[in-house]
Amino acid sequence: MSGATGGHSQFSHIAVSVADLRRSTDFYTEVFNFVPGRPYAAAGRRVATLMEADSRGFEAVFLRLGPTLLELIEHASPQHRNTVPRPAVEVGLAHLSFVIDDLAETIQRLESWGGRLRTRMQYEFEPGQLTDIAFATDPDGNRIELILHPGDAAARAHASFLGIEDLGWPDS
């Protein structure tokens, strides 16, 4: 992929601010099987200027699930929203999405680690096969989409519906 300078771009990671780093690390590792890296901390004027945050800094950890890196950041002076979860129509990060293999078990784990089921539906992307889709929140109210396809045909039909059939989603 070429940019304005002719350089190459590669996706790096997604970062989410959290209220409690340990709680959120436990949530994502226990519910979705992310593997944590080594926690790190950063602070000071330069970091504050770069991150547009408090100079007391933050603690953070990267988690990996397949090729995806999720960075969880606990700021020394977090700002909490008045509305949790953030309304789905509010501009910003809409949700993290996971293709799962057991919806009931995932919801049970999610709720036992501080998440909350919000909504659930079934959709027929492939005739005669119902795909389960649920929305939940993590302990900080960040929205999470859970997708359970009944088989490969339904997964391919869902990818076609989304216009991403040629992008390798979902991973097999």
C-alpha atoms as a PDB file:
ATOM      1  CA  MET A   1       0.000   0.000   0.000  1.00  0.00           C
ATOM      2  CA  SER A   2       1.419   3.400  -0.917  1.00  0.00           C
ATOM      3  CA  GLY A   3       0.922   6.558   1.095  1.00  0.00           C
ATOM      4  CA  ALA A   4       1.526  10.177   0.081  1.00  0.00           C
ATOM      5  CA  THR A   5       5.257   9.670   0.646  1.00  0.00           C
ATOM      6  CA  GLY A   6       5.337   6.327  -1.147  1.00  0.00           C
ATOM      7  CA  GLY A   7       5.855   4.468   2.141  1.00  0.00           C
ATOM      8  CA  HIS A   8       4.355   1.207   3.294  1.00  0.00           C
ATOM      9  CA  SER A   9       1.706   0.973   6.021  1.00  0.00           C
ATOM     10  CA  GLN A  10       1.091  -1.950   8.324  1.00  0.00           C
ATOM     11  CA  PHE A  11      -1.574  -2.199  11.017  1.00  0.00           C
ATOM     12  CA  SER A  12      -0.059  -2.036  14.504  1.00  0.00           C
ATOM     13  CA  HIS A  13      -2.678  -2.319  17.278  1.00  0.00           C
ATOM     14  CA  ILE A  14      -5.888  -1.072  18.891  1.00  0.00           C
ATOM     15  CA  ALA A  15      -5.636   0.755  22.235  1.00  0.00           C
ATOM     16  CA  VAL A  16      -8.416   1.033  24.806  1.00  0.00           C
ATOM     17  CA  SER A  17      -8.320   3.147  27.975  1.00  0.00           C
ATOM     18  CA  VAL A  18      -9.489   1.186  31.002  1.00  0.00           C
ATOM     19  CA  ALA A  19     -10.245   2.016  34.632  1.00  0.00           C
ATOM     20  CA  ASP A  20      -8.434  -0.986  36.149  1.00  0.00           C
ATOM     21  CA  LEU A  21      -5.595  -2.568  34.170  1.00  0.00           C
ATOM     22  CA  ARG A  22      -5.526  -5.863  36.111  1.00  0.00           C
ATOM     23  CA  ARG A  23      -9.316  -6.306  35.885  1.00  0.00           C
ATOM     24  CA  SER A  24      -9.354  -5.603  32.140  1.00  0.00           C
ATOM     25  CA  THR A  25      -6.320  -7.829  31.499  1.00  0.00           C
ATOM     26  CA  ASP A  26      -8.065 -10.663  33.347  1.00  0.00           C
ATOM     27  CA  PHE A  27     -11.283 -10.011  31.408  1.00  0.00           C
ATOM     28  CA  TYR A  28      -9.713 -10.203  27.930  1.00  0.00           C
ATOM     29  CA  THR A  29      -7.386 -13.110  28.753  1.00  0.00           C
ATOM     30  CA  GLU A  30     -10.051 -15.196  30.514  1.00  0.00           C
ATOM     31  CA  VAL A  31     -13.005 -14.462  28.202  1.00  0.00           C
ATOM     32  CA  PHE A  32     -11.281 -14.292  24.793  1.00  0.00           C
ATOM     33  CA  ASN A  33      -7.963 -16.103  25.389  1.00  0.00           C
ATOM     34  CA  PHE A  34      -5.704 -13.123  24.677  1.00  0.00           C
ATOM     35  CA  VAL A  35      -2.103 -13.709  25.732  1.00  0.00           C
ATOM     36  CA  PRO A  36      -0.614 -10.826  27.754  1.00  0.00           C
ATOM     37  CA  GLY A  37       2.784  -9.308  27.224  1.00  0.00           C
ATOM     38  CA  ARG A  38       4.842  -7.690  29.970  1.00  0.00           C
ATOM     39  CA  PRO A  39       3.167  -4.613  31.551  1.00  0.00           C
ATOM     40  CA  TYR A  40       4.963  -1.286  31.144  1.00  0.00           C
ATOM     41  CA  ALA A  41       4.590   2.264  32.420  1.00  0.00           C
ATOM     42  CA  ALA A  42       5.329   5.698  30.965  1.00  0.00           C
ATOM     43  CA  ALA A  43       5.142   9.184  32.427  1.00  0.00           C
ATOM     44  CA  GLY A  44       6.577  12.671  32.160  1.00  0.00           C
ATOM     45  CA  ARG A  45       6.114  15.850  30.186  1.00  0.00           C
ATOM     46  CA  ARG A  46       7.100  14.393  26.799  1.00  0.00           C
ATOM     47  CA  VAL A  47       4.726  11.438  27.161  1.00  0.00           C
ATOM     48  CA  ALA A  48       1.972  13.770  28.390  1.00  0.00           C
ATOM     49  CA  THR A  49       2.445  16.029  25.362  1.00  0.00           C
ATOM     50  CA  LEU A  50       2.487  13.130  22.925  1.00  0.00           C
ATOM     51  CA  MET A  51      -0.518  11.330  24.437  1.00  0.00           C
ATOM     52  CA  GLU A  52      -2.396  14.543  25.365  1.00  0.00           C
ATOM     53  CA  ALA A  53      -2.752  13.187  28.893  1.00  0.00           C
ATOM     54  CA  ASP A  54      -1.657  13.848  32.465  1.00  0.00           C
ATOM     55  CA  SER A  55       2.121  13.944  33.030  1.00  0.00           C
ATOM     56  CA  ARG A  56       1.713  11.328  35.782  1.00  0.00           C
ATOM     57  CA  GLY A  57       1.384   8.936  32.856  1.00  0.00           C
ATOM     58  CA  PHE A  58      -0.097   5.494  32.614  1.00  0.00           C
ATOM     59  CA  GLU A  59       0.407   1.785  33.041  1.00  0.00           C
ATOM     60  CA  ALA A  60      -0.325  -0.470  30.090  1.00  0.00           C
ATOM     61  CA  VAL A  61      -0.072  -3.967  28.686  1.00  0.00           C
ATOM     62  CA  PHE A  62      -0.337  -5.408  25.197  1.00  0.00           C
ATOM     63  CA  LEU A  63      -2.456  -8.513  24.649  1.00  0.00           C
ATOM     64  CA  ARG A  64      -2.271 -10.747  21.563  1.00  0.00           C
ATOM     65  CA  LEU A  65      -4.976 -12.857  19.944  1.00  0.00           C
ATOM     66  CA  GLY A  66      -3.755 -14.299  16.646  1.00  0.00           C
ATOM     67  CA  PRO A  67      -2.400 -11.388  14.603  1.00  0.00           C
ATOM     68  CA  THR A  68      -4.294  -8.773  16.653  1.00  0.00           C
ATOM     69  CA  LEU A  69      -2.667  -6.669  19.355  1.00  0.00           C
ATOM     70  CA  LEU A  70      -4.888  -4.950  21.916  1.00  0.00           C
ATOM     71  CA  GLU A  71      -3.236  -2.391  24.192  1.00  0.00           C
ATOM     72  CA  LEU A  72      -4.961  -1.713  27.507  1.00  0.00           C
ATOM     73  CA  ILE A  73      -4.031   1.617  29.112  1.00  0.00           C
ATOM     74  CA  GLU A  74      -4.819   2.709  32.672  1.00  0.00           C
ATOM     75  CA  HIS A  75      -4.145   6.450  32.981  1.00  0.00           C
ATOM     76  CA  ALA A  76      -3.076   7.950  36.314  1.00  0.00           C
ATOM     77  CA  SER A  77      -5.969  10.413  36.013  1.00  0.00           C
ATOM     78  CA  PRO A  78      -8.702   8.699  33.969  1.00  0.00           C
ATOM     79  CA  GLN A  79     -11.811  10.590  32.945  1.00  0.00           C
ATOM     80  CA  HIS A  80     -15.027   8.621  33.218  1.00  0.00           C
ATOM     81  CA  ARG A  81     -18.019   9.107  30.963  1.00  0.00           C
ATOM     82  CA  ASN A  82     -21.377  10.048  32.386  1.00  0.00           C
ATOM     83  CA  THR A  83     -22.971   7.456  30.108  1.00  0.00           C
ATOM     84  CA  VAL A  84     -21.723   3.871  30.312  1.00  0.00           C
ATOM     85  CA  PRO A  85     -21.790   2.254  27.932  1.00  0.00           C
ATOM     86  CA  ARG A  86     -21.204   5.045  25.457  1.00  0.00           C
ATOM     87  CA  PRO A  87     -24.181   5.286  23.114  1.00  0.00           C
ATOM     88  CA  ALA A  88     -23.573   3.120  20.037  1.00  0.00           C
ATOM     89  CA  VAL A  89     -24.308   6.074  17.745  1.00  0.00           C
ATOM     90  CA  GLU A  90     -21.698   8.328  19.367  1.00  0.00           C
ATOM     91  CA  VAL A  91     -18.703   8.930  17.119  1.00  0.00           C
ATOM     92  CA  GLY A  92     -15.644   6.965  18.231  1.00  0.00           C
ATOM     93  CA  LEU A  93     -14.724   3.327  18.730  1.00  0.00           C
ATOM     94  CA  ALA A  94     -17.983   1.457  18.061  1.00  0.00           C
ATOM     95  CA  HIS A  95     -17.041  -2.031  19.275  1.00  0.00           C
ATOM     96  CA  LEU A  96     -14.510  -4.842  19.287  1.00  0.00           C
ATOM     97  CA  SER A  97     -15.787  -7.922  17.429  1.00  0.00           C
ATOM     98  CA  PHE A  98     -15.024 -11.595  18.048  1.00  0.00           C
ATOM     99  CA  VAL A  99     -16.014 -14.705  16.102  1.00  0.00           C
ATOM    100  CA  ILE A 100     -16.547 -17.351  18.770  1.00  0.00           C
ATOM    101  CA  ASP A 101     -17.389 -21.052  18.873  1.00  0.00           C
ATOM    102  CA  ASP A 102     -19.740 -21.176  21.899  1.00  0.00           C
ATOM    103  CA  LEU A 103     -22.030 -18.222  22.616  1.00  0.00           C
ATOM    104  CA  ALA A 104     -23.494 -19.472  25.907  1.00  0.00           C
ATOM    105  CA  GLU A 105     -20.059 -20.257  27.352  1.00  0.00           C
ATOM    106  CA  THR A 106     -18.607 -16.951  26.150  1.00  0.00           C
ATOM    107  CA  ILE A 107     -21.479 -14.972  27.682  1.00  0.00           C
ATOM    108  CA  GLN A 108     -21.094 -16.895  30.958  1.00  0.00           C
ATOM    109  CA  ARG A 109     -17.346 -16.170  31.080  1.00  0.00           C
ATOM    110  CA  LEU A 110     -17.909 -12.557  30.027  1.00  0.00           C
ATOM    111  CA  GLU A 111     -20.422 -11.970  32.823  1.00  0.00           C
ATOM    112  CA  SER A 112     -18.323 -13.793  35.435  1.00  0.00           C
ATOM    113  CA  TRP A 113     -15.374 -11.475  34.645  1.00  0.00           C
ATOM    114  CA  GLY A 114     -17.378  -8.238  34.917  1.00  0.00           C
ATOM    115  CA  GLY A 115     -18.888  -7.870  31.435  1.00  0.00           C
ATOM    116  CA  ARG A 116     -22.575  -7.544  30.647  1.00  0.00           C
ATOM    117  CA  LEU A 117     -24.774  -8.965  27.880  1.00  0.00           C
ATOM    118  CA  ARG A 118     -26.765  -6.144  26.240  1.00  0.00           C
ATOM    119  CA  THR A 119     -28.589  -7.466  23.160  1.00  0.00           C
ATOM    120  CA  ARG A 120     -28.834 -10.640  21.110  1.00  0.00           C
ATOM    121  CA  MET A 121     -30.357 -11.700  17.795  1.00  0.00           C
ATOM    122  CA  GLN A 122     -30.170 -14.336  15.089  1.00  0.00           C
ATOM    123  CA  TYR A 123     -29.784 -13.587  11.390  1.00  0.00           C
ATOM    124  CA  GLU A 124     -30.060 -15.871   8.377  1.00  0.00           C
ATOM    125  CA  PHE A 125     -27.099 -14.974   6.150  1.00  0.00           C
ATOM    126  CA  GLU A 126     -27.267 -18.470   4.608  1.00  0.00           C
ATOM    127  CA  PRO A 127     -30.711 -20.032   3.987  1.00  0.00           C
ATOM    128  CA  GLY A 128     -31.625 -22.390   6.813  1.00  0.00           C
ATOM    129  CA  GLN A 129     -28.643 -21.421   9.000  1.00  0.00           C
ATOM    130  CA  LEU A 130     -29.022 -18.918  11.828  1.00  0.00           C
ATOM    131  CA  THR A 131     -25.981 -16.894  12.862  1.00  0.00           C
ATOM    132  CA  ASP A 132     -26.066 -15.722  16.491  1.00  0.00           C
ATOM    133  CA  ILE A 133     -24.939 -12.142  17.082  1.00  0.00           C
ATOM    134  CA  ALA A 134     -24.789 -10.580  20.526  1.00  0.00           C
ATOM    135  CA  PHE A 135     -23.569  -7.277  21.890  1.00  0.00           C
ATOM    136  CA  ALA A 136     -22.082  -7.039  25.340  1.00  0.00           C
ATOM    137  CA  THR A 137     -19.810  -4.707  27.254  1.00  0.00           C
ATOM    138  CA  ASP A 138     -16.499  -5.205  29.010  1.00  0.00           C
ATOM    139  CA  PRO A 139     -16.132  -4.064  32.657  1.00  0.00           C
ATOM    140  CA  ASP A 140     -15.600  -0.450  31.510  1.00  0.00           C
ATOM    141  CA  GLY A 141     -18.642  -0.374  29.227  1.00  0.00           C
ATOM    142  CA  ASN A 142     -16.745  -0.797  25.943  1.00  0.00           C
ATOM    143  CA  ARG A 143     -18.989  -2.567  23.441  1.00  0.00           C
ATOM    144  CA  ILE A 144     -18.101  -6.060  22.269  1.00  0.00           C
ATOM    145  CA  GLU A 145     -19.747  -7.944  19.391  1.00  0.00           C
ATOM    146  CA  LEU A 146     -19.926 -11.736  19.588  1.00  0.00           C
ATOM    147  CA  ILE A 147     -20.570 -13.724  16.391  1.00  0.00           C
ATOM    148  CA  LEU A 148     -21.317 -17.444  16.225  1.00  0.00           C
ATOM    149  CA  HIS A 149     -21.686 -18.914  12.737  1.00  0.00           C
ATOM    150  CA  PRO A 150     -23.362 -22.335  12.509  1.00  0.00           C
ATOM    151  CA  GLY A 151     -20.943 -23.385   9.767  1.00  0.00           C
ATOM    152  CA  ASP A 152     -18.557 -22.285   7.038  1.00  0.00           C
ATOM    153  CA  ALA A 153     -21.339 -21.512   4.544  1.00  0.00           C
ATOM    154  CA  ALA A 154     -22.968 -19.084   6.977  1.00  0.00           C
ATOM    155  CA  ALA A 155     -19.597 -17.466   7.690  1.00  0.00           C
ATOM    156  CA  ARG A 156     -18.942 -17.013   3.949  1.00  0.00           C
ATOM    157  CA  ALA A 157     -22.457 -15.608   3.435  1.00  0.00           C
ATOM    158  CA  HIS A 158     -21.935 -13.174   6.337  1.00  0.00           C
ATOM    159  CA  ALA A 159     -18.613 -12.051   4.822  1.00  0.00           C
ATOM    160  CA  SER A 160     -20.348 -11.513   1.480  1.00  0.00           C
ATOM    161  CA  PHE A 161     -23.114  -9.502   3.174  1.00  0.00           C
ATOM    162  CA  LEU A 162     -20.447  -7.270   4.764  1.00  0.00           C
ATOM    163  CA  GLY A 163     -18.571  -6.920   1.460  1.00  0.00           C
ATOM    164  CA  ILE A 164     -15.413  -8.525   2.848  1.00  0.00           C
ATOM    165  CA  GLU A 165     -15.480 -11.952   1.236  1.00  0.00           C
ATOM    166  CA  ASP A 166     -12.140 -11.259  -0.479  1.00  0.00           C
ATOM    167  CA  LEU A 167     -10.440  -9.990   2.707  1.00  0.00           C
ATOM    168  CA  GLY A 168     -10.076 -13.357   4.471  1.00  0.00           C
ATOM    169  CA  TRP A 169     -12.724 -12.852   7.154  1.00  0.00           C
ATOM    170  CA  PRO A 170     -13.310 -14.701   9.295  1.00  0.00           C
ATOM    171  CA  ASP A 171     -10.031 -16.539   9.681  1.00  0.00           C
ATOM    172  CA  SER A 172     -10.501 -20.250   9.204  1.00  0.00           C
END
